[in-house]
């Protein structure tokens, strides 16, 4: 589908003038194209041995010739806050998305988040005043899509099977395009059909990307492959004999499933990079890393043990939105939670005891710490919506996971149990990036001046590379270390105007529909 925007010829003329007569306020020329390719859940820890063995030649070439390194996720390290931070350049305290779900203010009702929950401008809205054309495909937490100058196929979660594209008629041109489903699990006997769905999803997205690269003008293209995340969540069990659900009979059949999928993904990446050509700047990135799930810390069971040092009443005031994922915890307090027992001051005291208990939690079998990091709200969230976030966020140690556990005294059991969920791997903080193109300096760099690169740096970096000013109020910074020093000196970063809040009110019907969506981590 070729759709010439109204201002395309004006943009081409402007680019021609700039090419002849000068630069602009940012780092790139106005005719510079940038392509962002998301590989959800990619981590060098998994990929590097295959790269070194020669199995992933496209990624190997990027490492050998381009800038690359680790890209830290955001807290919480889930796809909704992570991808929203990636496209806004701010922390969840400003964009207001912390999870797949949220509690309605002053109510017990829990609803799923959508793009309408976002409170900070995404990069495509930042580019609209400059008349930049965008092509956007499958970025999580973007449904319903914004009106843009270009094409927009939103990513999950989807409220229904329509209304996920802009312009709306774009949906009719996508062919057999399957939307990501919220529910994700590996059902015994359905392994082959699930694998086939993952390959179909990857193939459809590759097909659309190649069509757009052939037919559509753009300044920024941002696309995300999500099946890389899904297959790691579900098929990791066949690679991990320490997982309690490891099946020695099935493992020989599916132990190579993740590897083989990445080989196919790398082949698709090679086709896309060839179609892009050397003139555009390409940024490859992931929203988080990955690691195994082997044992669960049942939080309520542990907090009600004498060793946690919380009283029965204090432990009962701790709650989570999803019983199956307790890494984001809240202490019920008056003024926010119906029937809460604690004042805000008292809740802070309980929170301090909760943090101490989580940091002290050990596996009685080994004596190992269960929690690698425990953050309180104000350590990681800043902005208007910081108070909306969880009171405590936990990064479990490698191999561990947190579940709510049992509130009922009659059902409580050991604090550490073999992992039980249908997923066998979960997110870590260490994602990836790789960049190539004009002005990019090759080599491995994980940060500048002792500061690690992170998702919050993506938007300012892409804006700079497009030759646009970087708005005041972004939390990230331009990844200066990946840019050629001479280029950076000749094209200093220009500060732009502050961004306006992004707000789209939900209708009562939309709100009611959100209550009926299933939850899934991703």
Protein backbone atom coordinates (compact mmCIF):
# COMPACT_ATOMS: atom_id res chain seq x y z
CA UNK A 1 0.00 0.00 0.00
CA UNK A 2 1.59 3.26 -1.11
CA UNK A 3 0.18 6.34 0.50
CA UNK A 4 1.83 9.65 -0.36
CA UNK A 5 1.38 12.09 2.53
CA UNK A 6 0.29 15.64 1.82
CA UNK A 7 3.58 17.13 2.89
CA UNK A 8 5.94 14.59 1.29
CA UNK A 9 6.98 16.84 -1.57
CA UNK A 10 7.61 19.71 0.84
CA UNK A 11 9.78 17.45 2.97
CA UNK A 12 11.74 16.28 -0.06
CA UNK A 13 12.33 19.86 -1.12
CA UNK A 14 13.45 20.82 2.37
CA UNK A 15 15.78 17.84 2.50
CA UNK A 16 17.28 18.86 -0.85
CA UNK A 17 17.92 22.40 0.40
CA UNK A 18 19.54 21.13 3.59
CA UNK A 19 21.67 18.67 1.68
CA UNK A 20 22.98 21.51 -0.46
CA UNK A 21 23.30 24.27 2.04
CA UNK A 22 23.69 23.20 5.60
CA UNK A 23 22.69 21.17 8.57
CA UNK A 24 20.07 21.52 11.26
CA UNK A 25 19.79 21.82 15.00
CA UNK A 26 20.28 18.13 15.74
CA UNK A 27 22.76 15.46 14.81
CA UNK A 28 21.53 14.34 11.40
CA UNK A 29 20.43 15.88 8.14
CA UNK A 30 16.70 16.36 7.65
CA UNK A 31 16.69 13.63 4.99
CA UNK A 32 18.28 11.09 7.34
CA UNK A 33 16.15 7.97 7.85
CA UNK A 34 16.20 5.95 11.07
CA UNK A 35 14.92 2.40 11.45
CA UNK A 36 14.38 0.97 14.95
CA UNK A 37 14.02 -2.82 15.09
CA UNK A 38 12.82 -4.31 18.36
CA UNK A 39 13.63 -7.91 19.25
CA UNK A 40 11.52 -8.42 22.35
CA UNK A 41 13.40 -10.23 25.11
CA UNK A 42 16.75 -10.49 23.33
CA UNK A 43 19.82 -10.88 25.54
CA UNK A 44 23.46 -11.32 24.57
CA UNK A 45 23.78 -13.97 27.29
CA UNK A 46 21.60 -16.28 25.21
CA UNK A 47 22.69 -15.14 21.75
CA UNK A 48 26.45 -14.71 22.13
CA UNK A 49 27.41 -18.42 22.06
CA UNK A 50 25.38 -18.85 18.87
CA UNK A 51 26.94 -15.71 17.36
CA UNK A 52 30.43 -16.99 18.21
CA UNK A 53 29.57 -20.35 16.63
CA UNK A 54 28.50 -18.69 13.39
CA UNK A 55 24.80 -19.52 13.69
CA UNK A 56 23.59 -15.90 13.62
CA UNK A 57 25.52 -14.16 10.82
CA UNK A 58 23.43 -10.96 10.70
CA UNK A 59 23.95 -10.29 14.41
CA UNK A 60 27.60 -11.31 14.09
CA UNK A 61 28.14 -8.74 11.33
CA UNK A 62 26.49 -6.04 13.43
CA UNK A 63 28.81 -6.81 16.34
CA UNK A 64 31.87 -6.86 14.07
CA UNK A 65 31.16 -3.63 12.22
CA UNK A 66 28.78 -1.52 14.31
CA UNK A 67 28.20 -0.07 17.77
CA UNK A 68 26.67 -2.55 20.17
CA UNK A 69 26.30 -3.44 23.82
CA UNK A 70 23.87 -3.93 26.67
CA UNK A 71 20.80 -1.75 27.06
CA UNK A 72 19.29 -1.69 30.53
CA UNK A 73 15.55 -2.16 30.87
CA UNK A 74 13.29 -0.01 33.02
CA UNK A 75 11.83 -0.75 36.45
CA UNK A 76 9.45 -2.61 36.33
CA UNK A 77 11.09 -4.73 33.60
CA UNK A 78 7.83 -5.74 31.87
CA UNK A 79 6.94 -5.13 28.22
CA UNK A 80 4.24 -2.45 28.84
CA UNK A 81 6.38 -0.06 30.91
CA UNK A 82 9.55 -1.00 29.04
CA UNK A 83 8.30 -0.34 25.51
CA UNK A 84 6.43 2.75 26.69
CA UNK A 85 9.65 4.10 28.17
CA UNK A 86 11.47 3.20 24.94
CA UNK A 87 9.06 5.29 22.82
CA UNK A 88 8.66 8.21 25.27
CA UNK A 89 12.12 8.63 26.79
CA UNK A 90 10.73 8.91 30.32
CA UNK A 91 10.28 6.68 33.36
CA UNK A 92 6.91 5.21 34.37
CA UNK A 93 6.42 8.01 36.90
CA UNK A 94 5.87 10.29 33.90
CA UNK A 95 4.24 8.00 31.32
CA UNK A 96 2.08 6.27 33.99
CA UNK A 97 2.23 2.67 32.70
CA UNK A 98 3.68 0.20 35.22
CA UNK A 99 2.11 -3.11 34.35
CA UNK A 100 -0.39 -4.89 32.14
CA UNK A 101 -2.99 -3.95 34.74
CA UNK A 102 -3.96 -1.19 37.14
CA UNK A 103 -6.46 -0.72 39.93
CA UNK A 104 -9.10 1.91 39.40
CA UNK A 105 -8.67 4.78 41.91
CA UNK A 106 -10.43 4.06 45.19
CA UNK A 107 -11.77 0.72 43.91
CA UNK A 108 -10.84 -2.95 44.02
CA UNK A 109 -11.58 -3.35 40.27
CA UNK A 110 -8.52 -4.17 38.16
CA UNK A 111 -8.44 -3.29 34.45
CA UNK A 112 -5.90 -3.79 31.70
CA UNK A 113 -3.79 -0.89 30.52
CA UNK A 114 -3.93 0.41 26.94
CA UNK A 115 -2.26 3.18 24.98
CA UNK A 116 -4.90 5.51 26.41
CA UNK A 117 -3.23 5.13 29.81
CA UNK A 118 -0.05 6.73 28.49
CA UNK A 119 0.58 10.25 29.81
CA UNK A 120 3.78 11.22 27.93
CA UNK A 121 4.21 11.93 24.25
CA UNK A 122 5.65 9.09 22.14
CA UNK A 123 8.32 9.94 19.61
CA UNK A 124 5.92 9.85 16.66
CA UNK A 125 3.88 12.64 18.23
CA UNK A 126 7.07 14.58 18.93
CA UNK A 127 7.90 14.38 15.22
CA UNK A 128 4.50 15.52 13.94
CA UNK A 129 5.15 19.32 14.14
CA UNK A 130 8.25 18.78 11.99
CA UNK A 131 6.21 16.93 9.35
CA UNK A 132 8.17 13.68 9.70
CA UNK A 133 6.51 10.57 8.28
CA UNK A 134 6.52 7.39 10.40
CA UNK A 135 5.90 3.68 9.85
CA UNK A 136 5.07 1.82 13.08
CA UNK A 137 4.49 -1.92 13.45
CA UNK A 138 3.64 -4.08 16.47
CA UNK A 139 5.07 -1.92 19.27
CA UNK A 140 3.55 -3.27 22.51
CA UNK A 141 1.13 -1.05 24.46
CA UNK A 142 0.16 1.12 21.45
CA UNK A 143 -3.44 -0.01 20.88
CA UNK A 144 -5.46 2.07 20.07
CA UNK A 145 -2.99 3.66 17.64
CA UNK A 146 -2.43 7.39 17.42
CA UNK A 147 -3.34 9.25 14.22
CA UNK A 148 0.00 9.73 12.45
CA UNK A 149 1.42 10.96 9.19
CA UNK A 150 2.22 7.47 7.95
CA UNK A 151 1.15 3.93 8.81
CA UNK A 152 0.57 2.45 12.25
CA UNK A 153 -0.23 -1.18 13.14
CA UNK A 154 -0.48 -1.28 16.93
CA UNK A 155 0.93 -3.95 19.22
CA UNK A 156 -0.68 -5.92 22.06
CA UNK A 157 -2.73 -5.93 24.20
CA UNK A 158 -5.66 -5.66 21.80
CA UNK A 159 -9.12 -4.95 23.14
CA UNK A 160 -10.69 -6.66 20.13
CA UNK A 161 -9.79 -7.69 16.60
CA UNK A 162 -10.43 -4.33 14.94
CA UNK A 163 -9.34 -0.74 15.40
CA UNK A 164 -5.65 -1.65 15.72
CA UNK A 165 -4.40 0.21 12.63
CA UNK A 166 -4.19 3.79 11.38
CA UNK A 167 -5.49 4.72 8.96
CA UNK A 168 -8.32 2.24 9.62
CA UNK A 169 -8.35 0.93 6.04
CA UNK A 170 -4.78 -0.27 6.55
CA UNK A 171 -6.19 -3.35 8.31
CA UNK A 172 -7.62 -4.57 4.99
CA UNK A 173 -4.19 -4.53 3.32
CA UNK A 174 -2.25 -6.64 5.85
CA UNK A 175 -3.25 -10.07 4.56
CA UNK A 176 -3.16 -12.97 7.01
CA UNK A 177 -1.87 -10.86 9.88
CA UNK A 178 -2.34 -12.46 13.32
CA UNK A 179 -2.54 -10.21 16.36
CA UNK A 180 -0.64 -11.19 19.50
CA UNK A 181 -2.93 -12.89 22.01
CA UNK A 182 -2.73 -11.98 25.67
CA UNK A 183 -2.79 -15.49 27.08
CA UNK A 184 0.51 -17.31 26.78
CA UNK A 185 1.24 -20.86 27.87
CA UNK A 186 2.66 -24.12 26.62
CA UNK A 187 -0.06 -26.78 26.57
CA UNK A 188 1.27 -30.37 26.48
CA UNK A 189 0.70 -31.83 23.04
CA UNK A 190 0.40 -28.38 21.41
CA UNK A 191 4.12 -27.66 21.10
CA UNK A 192 4.26 -27.95 17.31
CA UNK A 193 1.22 -25.77 16.67
CA UNK A 194 2.56 -23.11 19.04
CA UNK A 195 5.91 -23.12 17.25
CA UNK A 196 4.13 -22.80 13.91
CA UNK A 197 2.24 -19.75 15.20
CA UNK A 198 5.49 -18.10 16.30
CA UNK A 199 7.04 -18.63 12.88
CA UNK A 200 3.90 -17.33 11.19
CA UNK A 201 3.94 -14.18 13.33
CA UNK A 202 7.60 -13.53 12.54
CA UNK A 203 7.04 -14.15 8.84
CA UNK A 204 4.05 -11.83 8.63
CA UNK A 205 5.91 -9.00 10.32
CA UNK A 206 8.93 -9.49 8.09
CA UNK A 207 6.67 -9.45 5.02
CA UNK A 208 5.06 -6.15 6.01
CA UNK A 209 8.41 -4.55 6.87
CA UNK A 210 9.85 -5.49 3.47
CA UNK A 211 6.73 -4.21 1.70
CA UNK A 212 6.92 -0.90 3.55
CA UNK A 213 10.64 -0.54 2.84
CA UNK A 214 9.92 -1.09 -0.84
CA UNK A 215 6.80 1.07 -1.17
CA UNK A 216 6.52 3.63 1.61
CA UNK A 217 8.44 6.88 2.20
CA UNK A 218 9.39 7.46 5.82
CA UNK A 219 11.66 9.33 8.17
CA UNK A 220 11.28 6.95 11.13
CA UNK A 221 10.34 3.27 10.97
CA UNK A 222 9.87 1.47 14.29
CA UNK A 223 8.99 -2.23 14.24
CA UNK A 224 8.97 -4.93 16.93
CA UNK A 225 9.20 -8.72 16.70
CA UNK A 226 7.50 -10.21 19.77
CA UNK A 227 7.68 -13.95 19.07
CA UNK A 228 11.30 -13.90 20.29
CA UNK A 229 9.91 -13.13 23.76
CA UNK A 230 7.08 -15.64 23.51
CA UNK A 231 9.19 -18.63 22.52
CA UNK A 232 11.66 -17.95 25.36
CA UNK A 233 8.85 -17.75 27.90
CA UNK A 234 7.40 -21.08 26.80
CA UNK A 235 10.19 -23.31 25.39
CA UNK A 236 13.02 -22.51 27.82
CA UNK A 237 11.95 -25.51 29.91
CA UNK A 238 13.35 -27.88 27.28
CA UNK A 239 16.82 -26.33 27.64
CA UNK A 240 16.96 -26.28 31.46
CA UNK A 241 17.33 -29.60 33.32
CA UNK A 242 17.07 -27.66 36.61
CA UNK A 243 13.51 -26.60 35.81
CA UNK A 244 11.09 -28.77 37.84
CA UNK A 245 8.98 -29.38 34.71
CA UNK A 246 11.89 -30.46 32.53
CA UNK A 247 10.82 -33.48 30.49
CA UNK A 248 13.78 -35.69 29.57
CA UNK A 249 11.72 -37.45 26.91
CA UNK A 250 10.51 -34.30 25.17
CA UNK A 251 13.72 -32.31 25.60
CA UNK A 252 15.59 -33.94 22.68
CA UNK A 253 12.73 -32.95 20.39
CA UNK A 254 12.39 -29.30 21.49
CA UNK A 255 15.74 -28.39 23.09
CA UNK A 256 16.76 -26.65 19.85
CA UNK A 257 13.46 -24.80 19.39
CA UNK A 258 14.67 -21.44 20.73
CA UNK A 259 18.00 -21.73 18.89
CA UNK A 260 16.31 -22.63 15.61
CA UNK A 261 13.84 -19.79 15.96
CA UNK A 262 16.66 -17.32 16.50
CA UNK A 263 18.42 -18.68 13.42
CA UNK A 264 15.26 -17.93 11.43
CA UNK A 265 14.91 -14.52 13.11
CA UNK A 266 18.52 -13.71 12.26
CA UNK A 267 17.87 -14.69 8.64
CA UNK A 268 14.85 -12.37 8.59
CA UNK A 269 16.96 -9.63 10.14
CA UNK A 270 19.55 -10.06 7.41
CA UNK A 271 16.90 -9.64 4.71
CA UNK A 272 15.57 -6.50 6.39
CA UNK A 273 19.02 -4.96 6.85
CA UNK A 274 19.81 -5.61 3.18
CA UNK A 275 16.55 -3.96 2.13
CA UNK A 276 17.23 -0.94 4.32
CA UNK A 277 20.63 -0.34 2.76
CA UNK A 278 23.63 1.54 4.21
CA UNK A 279 22.21 5.07 4.02
CA UNK A 280 19.70 4.74 6.86
CA UNK A 281 20.68 4.51 10.50
CA UNK A 282 19.51 1.26 12.10
CA UNK A 283 19.02 0.77 15.83
CA UNK A 284 18.40 -2.76 17.01
CA UNK A 285 17.17 -3.10 20.60
CA UNK A 286 15.36 -5.25 23.12
CA UNK A 287 13.15 -4.19 26.00
CA UNK A 288 14.65 -6.57 28.57
CA UNK A 289 16.75 -9.69 28.88
CA UNK A 290 15.80 -13.24 29.92
CA UNK A 291 16.64 -15.94 32.42
CA UNK A 292 15.34 -19.24 33.86
CA UNK A 293 12.50 -19.77 36.36
CA UNK A 294 13.15 -22.67 38.74
CA UNK A 295 11.87 -21.79 42.20
CA UNK A 296 9.11 -19.52 43.50
CA UNK A 297 9.21 -17.34 46.59
CA UNK A 298 5.62 -17.40 47.88
CA UNK A 299 5.50 -13.91 49.33
CA UNK A 300 2.49 -14.20 51.64
CA UNK A 301 3.71 -17.53 53.03
CA UNK A 302 7.08 -15.95 53.76
CA UNK A 303 5.77 -12.68 55.21
CA UNK A 304 3.61 -14.59 57.68
CA UNK A 305 6.64 -16.52 58.97
CA UNK A 306 8.11 -15.18 62.24
CA UNK A 307 11.46 -14.71 60.49
CA UNK A 308 10.04 -11.98 58.24
CA UNK A 309 9.50 -9.77 61.33
CA UNK A 310 6.11 -8.58 60.01
CA UNK A 311 3.06 -8.99 62.18
CA UNK A 312 0.03 -10.88 60.88
CA UNK A 313 -1.76 -7.58 60.32
CA UNK A 314 1.21 -6.01 58.54
CA UNK A 315 1.72 -9.00 56.25
CA UNK A 316 -1.98 -9.07 55.36
CA UNK A 317 -1.78 -5.44 54.20
CA UNK A 318 0.67 -6.35 51.41
CA UNK A 319 -1.02 -6.99 48.06
CA UNK A 320 -0.20 -7.48 44.38
CA UNK A 321 -2.29 -6.96 41.24
CA UNK A 322 -1.50 -10.37 39.78
CA UNK A 323 -1.25 -13.36 42.16
CA UNK A 324 1.02 -15.12 39.68
CA UNK A 325 3.63 -12.32 39.57
CA UNK A 326 4.42 -10.68 42.90
CA UNK A 327 7.50 -8.68 41.92
CA UNK A 328 5.46 -5.46 42.22
CA UNK A 329 4.02 -5.04 45.71
CA UNK A 330 1.78 -2.52 47.42
CA UNK A 331 1.05 -1.78 51.07
CA UNK A 332 -2.63 -0.98 51.54
CA UNK A 333 -3.03 2.54 52.87
CA UNK A 334 -5.94 4.78 53.63
CA UNK A 335 -6.77 7.33 50.95
CA UNK A 336 -5.78 4.93 48.16
CA UNK A 337 -7.04 1.44 48.98
CA UNK A 338 -10.60 0.70 50.12
CA UNK A 339 -10.65 -0.68 53.67
CA UNK A 340 -6.91 -0.15 54.13
CA UNK A 341 -5.75 -0.43 57.78
CA UNK A 342 -2.78 1.94 57.65
CA UNK A 343 -2.38 5.69 57.36
CA UNK A 344 0.22 6.83 54.79
CA UNK A 345 2.78 7.29 57.56
CA UNK A 346 2.08 3.85 59.03
CA UNK A 347 2.15 2.29 55.56
CA UNK A 348 5.66 3.67 55.04
CA UNK A 349 6.74 1.94 58.24
CA UNK A 350 5.24 -1.34 57.03
CA UNK A 351 6.93 -0.84 53.65
CA UNK A 352 10.33 -0.50 55.33
CA UNK A 353 9.77 -3.81 57.15
CA UNK A 354 8.63 -5.41 53.87
CA UNK A 355 11.80 -4.26 52.11
CA UNK A 356 14.00 -5.61 54.92
CA UNK A 357 12.17 -8.93 54.79
CA UNK A 358 12.57 -9.28 51.01
CA UNK A 359 16.25 -8.37 51.10
CA UNK A 360 16.80 -10.95 53.82
CA UNK A 361 14.82 -13.74 52.13
CA UNK A 362 16.93 -16.84 51.51
CA UNK A 363 16.40 -20.28 50.06
CA UNK A 364 16.56 -22.68 53.04
CA UNK A 365 18.00 -25.40 50.80
CA UNK A 366 21.06 -23.38 49.80
CA UNK A 367 21.15 -20.24 51.95
CA UNK A 368 21.21 -18.11 48.76
CA UNK A 369 19.50 -14.74 48.61
CA UNK A 370 16.26 -14.90 46.64
CA UNK A 371 16.08 -11.21 45.68
CA UNK A 372 18.88 -9.63 43.67
CA UNK A 373 17.49 -6.09 44.05
CA UNK A 374 14.63 -4.47 45.96
CA UNK A 375 13.61 -0.92 45.03
CA UNK A 376 11.15 1.40 46.76
CA UNK A 377 8.94 3.70 44.73
CA UNK A 378 10.85 6.96 45.08
CA UNK A 379 14.18 5.32 44.15
CA UNK A 380 13.05 4.51 40.62
CA UNK A 381 10.00 6.65 39.80
CA UNK A 382 9.81 10.41 39.38
CA UNK A 383 7.05 12.53 37.94
CA UNK A 384 3.38 13.33 38.22
CA UNK A 385 2.32 9.68 38.27
CA UNK A 386 5.03 8.23 40.50
CA UNK A 387 2.52 7.55 43.29
CA UNK A 388 0.52 5.36 40.92
CA UNK A 389 3.42 2.92 40.84
CA UNK A 390 4.05 -0.02 43.14
CA UNK A 391 5.44 0.67 46.59
CA UNK A 392 8.14 -1.98 46.12
CA UNK A 393 9.64 -3.62 43.01
CA UNK A 394 11.77 -6.75 43.22
CA UNK A 395 14.31 -8.22 40.81
CA UNK A 396 14.54 -11.89 41.82
CA UNK A 397 17.90 -13.60 41.79
CA UNK A 398 18.66 -15.74 38.74
CA UNK A 399 16.41 -18.79 38.69
CA UNK A 400 13.85 -17.40 41.15
CA UNK A 401 10.41 -15.89 40.70
CA UNK A 402 7.89 -14.29 43.08
CA UNK A 403 4.26 -15.32 43.45
CA UNK A 404 1.72 -14.02 45.93
CA UNK A 405 1.32 -17.24 47.87
CA UNK A 406 -1.51 -18.01 50.25
CA UNK A 407 -3.37 -15.49 52.39
CA UNK A 408 -5.44 -18.27 53.97
CA UNK A 409 -3.59 -19.58 57.08
CA UNK A 410 -4.97 -23.06 56.44
CA UNK A 411 -3.33 -23.24 52.99
CA UNK A 412 0.07 -21.73 53.68
CA UNK A 413 3.14 -23.80 52.98
CA UNK A 414 6.92 -23.42 52.51
CA UNK A 415 8.17 -20.04 51.34
CA UNK A 416 10.26 -21.59 48.52
CA UNK A 417 8.64 -24.14 46.21
CA UNK A 418 9.48 -25.53 42.76
CA UNK A 419 8.30 -23.15 40.07
CA UNK A 420 4.69 -23.79 39.08
CA UNK A 421 3.56 -21.40 36.31
CA UNK A 422 3.21 -22.52 32.66
CA UNK A 423 6.11 -20.21 31.74
CA UNK A 424 9.68 -21.39 32.22
CA UNK A 425 11.74 -18.20 31.75
CA UNK A 426 11.27 -14.59 32.77
CA UNK A 427 12.68 -11.12 32.26
CA UNK A 428 16.03 -9.77 33.38
CA UNK A 429 17.30 -6.19 33.25
CA UNK A 430 20.01 -6.65 30.61
CA UNK A 431 18.65 -6.09 27.11
CA UNK A 432 20.65 -5.40 23.95
CA UNK A 433 21.29 -2.72 21.35
CA UNK A 434 23.24 -2.52 18.08
CA UNK A 435 23.53 0.49 15.76
CA UNK A 436 24.89 1.06 12.28
CA UNK A 437 24.81 3.86 9.73
CA UNK A 438 26.26 7.30 8.95
CA UNK A 439 27.91 8.90 11.97
CA UNK A 440 27.88 5.74 14.12
CA UNK A 441 31.23 4.69 15.65
CA UNK A 442 31.77 0.89 15.72
CA UNK A 443 32.72 -1.07 18.81
CA UNK A 444 31.24 -2.35 22.04
CA UNK A 445 30.02 0.33 24.43
CA UNK A 446 27.71 -0.29 27.37
CA UNK A 447 27.52 3.31 28.54
CA UNK A 448 29.13 6.73 28.89
CA UNK A 449 31.08 8.02 31.88
CA UNK A 450 30.08 5.17 34.16
CA UNK A 451 26.39 5.44 33.26
CA UNK A 452 24.90 2.40 31.51
CA UNK A 453 22.83 2.88 28.38
CA UNK A 454 19.13 2.26 28.99
CA UNK A 455 15.76 2.32 27.28
CA UNK A 456 15.20 5.91 28.36
CA UNK A 457 18.09 6.90 26.06
CA UNK A 458 16.47 5.60 22.87
CA UNK A 459 14.17 8.56 22.13
CA UNK A 460 16.77 11.31 22.64
CA UNK A 461 19.27 9.34 20.55
CA UNK A 462 16.82 8.76 17.68
CA UNK A 463 15.69 12.40 17.72
CA UNK A 464 19.31 13.54 17.57
CA UNK A 465 20.05 11.20 14.67
CA UNK A 466 17.01 12.54 12.80
CA UNK A 467 18.30 16.07 13.22
CA UNK A 468 15.60 17.11 15.67
CA UNK A 469 16.01 18.92 19.01
CA UNK A 470 15.73 16.84 22.16
CA UNK A 471 12.74 18.06 24.22
CA UNK A 472 13.24 19.31 27.74
CA UNK A 473 11.91 16.88 30.34
CA UNK A 474 13.10 13.58 28.89
CA UNK A 475 14.79 11.34 31.44
CA UNK A 476 17.28 9.86 29.00
CA UNK A 477 20.21 11.31 27.10
CA UNK A 478 21.79 10.93 23.68
CA UNK A 479 24.03 7.86 23.57
CA UNK A 480 27.06 9.96 22.73
CA UNK A 481 29.54 7.10 22.90
CA UNK A 482 28.04 5.37 19.85
CA UNK A 483 28.33 8.50 17.70
CA UNK A 484 31.50 9.43 15.87
CA UNK A 485 33.29 12.13 17.90
CA UNK A 486 33.87 14.44 14.93
CA UNK A 487 30.22 14.18 13.94
CA UNK A 488 29.11 14.90 17.50
CA UNK A 489 31.41 17.92 17.78
CA UNK A 490 30.16 19.31 14.49
CA UNK A 491 26.53 18.66 15.40
CA UNK A 492 25.97 19.33 19.12
CA UNK A 493 22.75 18.23 20.78
CA UNK A 494 20.09 20.95 20.67
CA UNK A 495 17.60 21.31 23.54
CA UNK A 496 13.95 21.58 22.51
CA UNK A 497 10.81 22.87 24.18
CA UNK A 498 9.18 20.94 27.06
CA UNK A 499 6.71 18.25 26.03
CA UNK A 500 3.02 18.48 26.76
CA UNK A 501 1.24 15.69 28.61
CA UNK A 502 -0.39 13.05 26.40
CA UNK A 503 -3.91 12.25 27.58
CA UNK A 504 -6.75 10.35 25.93
CA UNK A 505 -9.87 9.73 28.00
CA UNK A 506 -11.45 6.26 27.92
CA UNK A 507 -15.14 5.90 27.27
CA UNK A 508 -17.23 3.93 29.81
CA UNK A 509 -17.59 1.16 27.22
CA UNK A 510 -13.83 0.91 26.76
CA UNK A 511 -13.29 0.81 30.50
CA UNK A 512 -15.83 -1.98 30.91
CA UNK A 513 -14.22 -3.98 28.09
CA UNK A 514 -10.83 -3.71 29.77
CA UNK A 515 -12.19 -5.45 32.86
CA UNK A 516 -12.93 -8.51 30.74
CA UNK A 517 -9.47 -8.95 29.21
CA UNK A 518 -7.24 -11.73 30.59
CA UNK A 519 -3.89 -10.79 32.06
CA UNK A 520 -0.58 -12.06 30.87
CA UNK A 521 2.99 -11.04 31.56
CA UNK A 522 5.29 -10.50 28.61
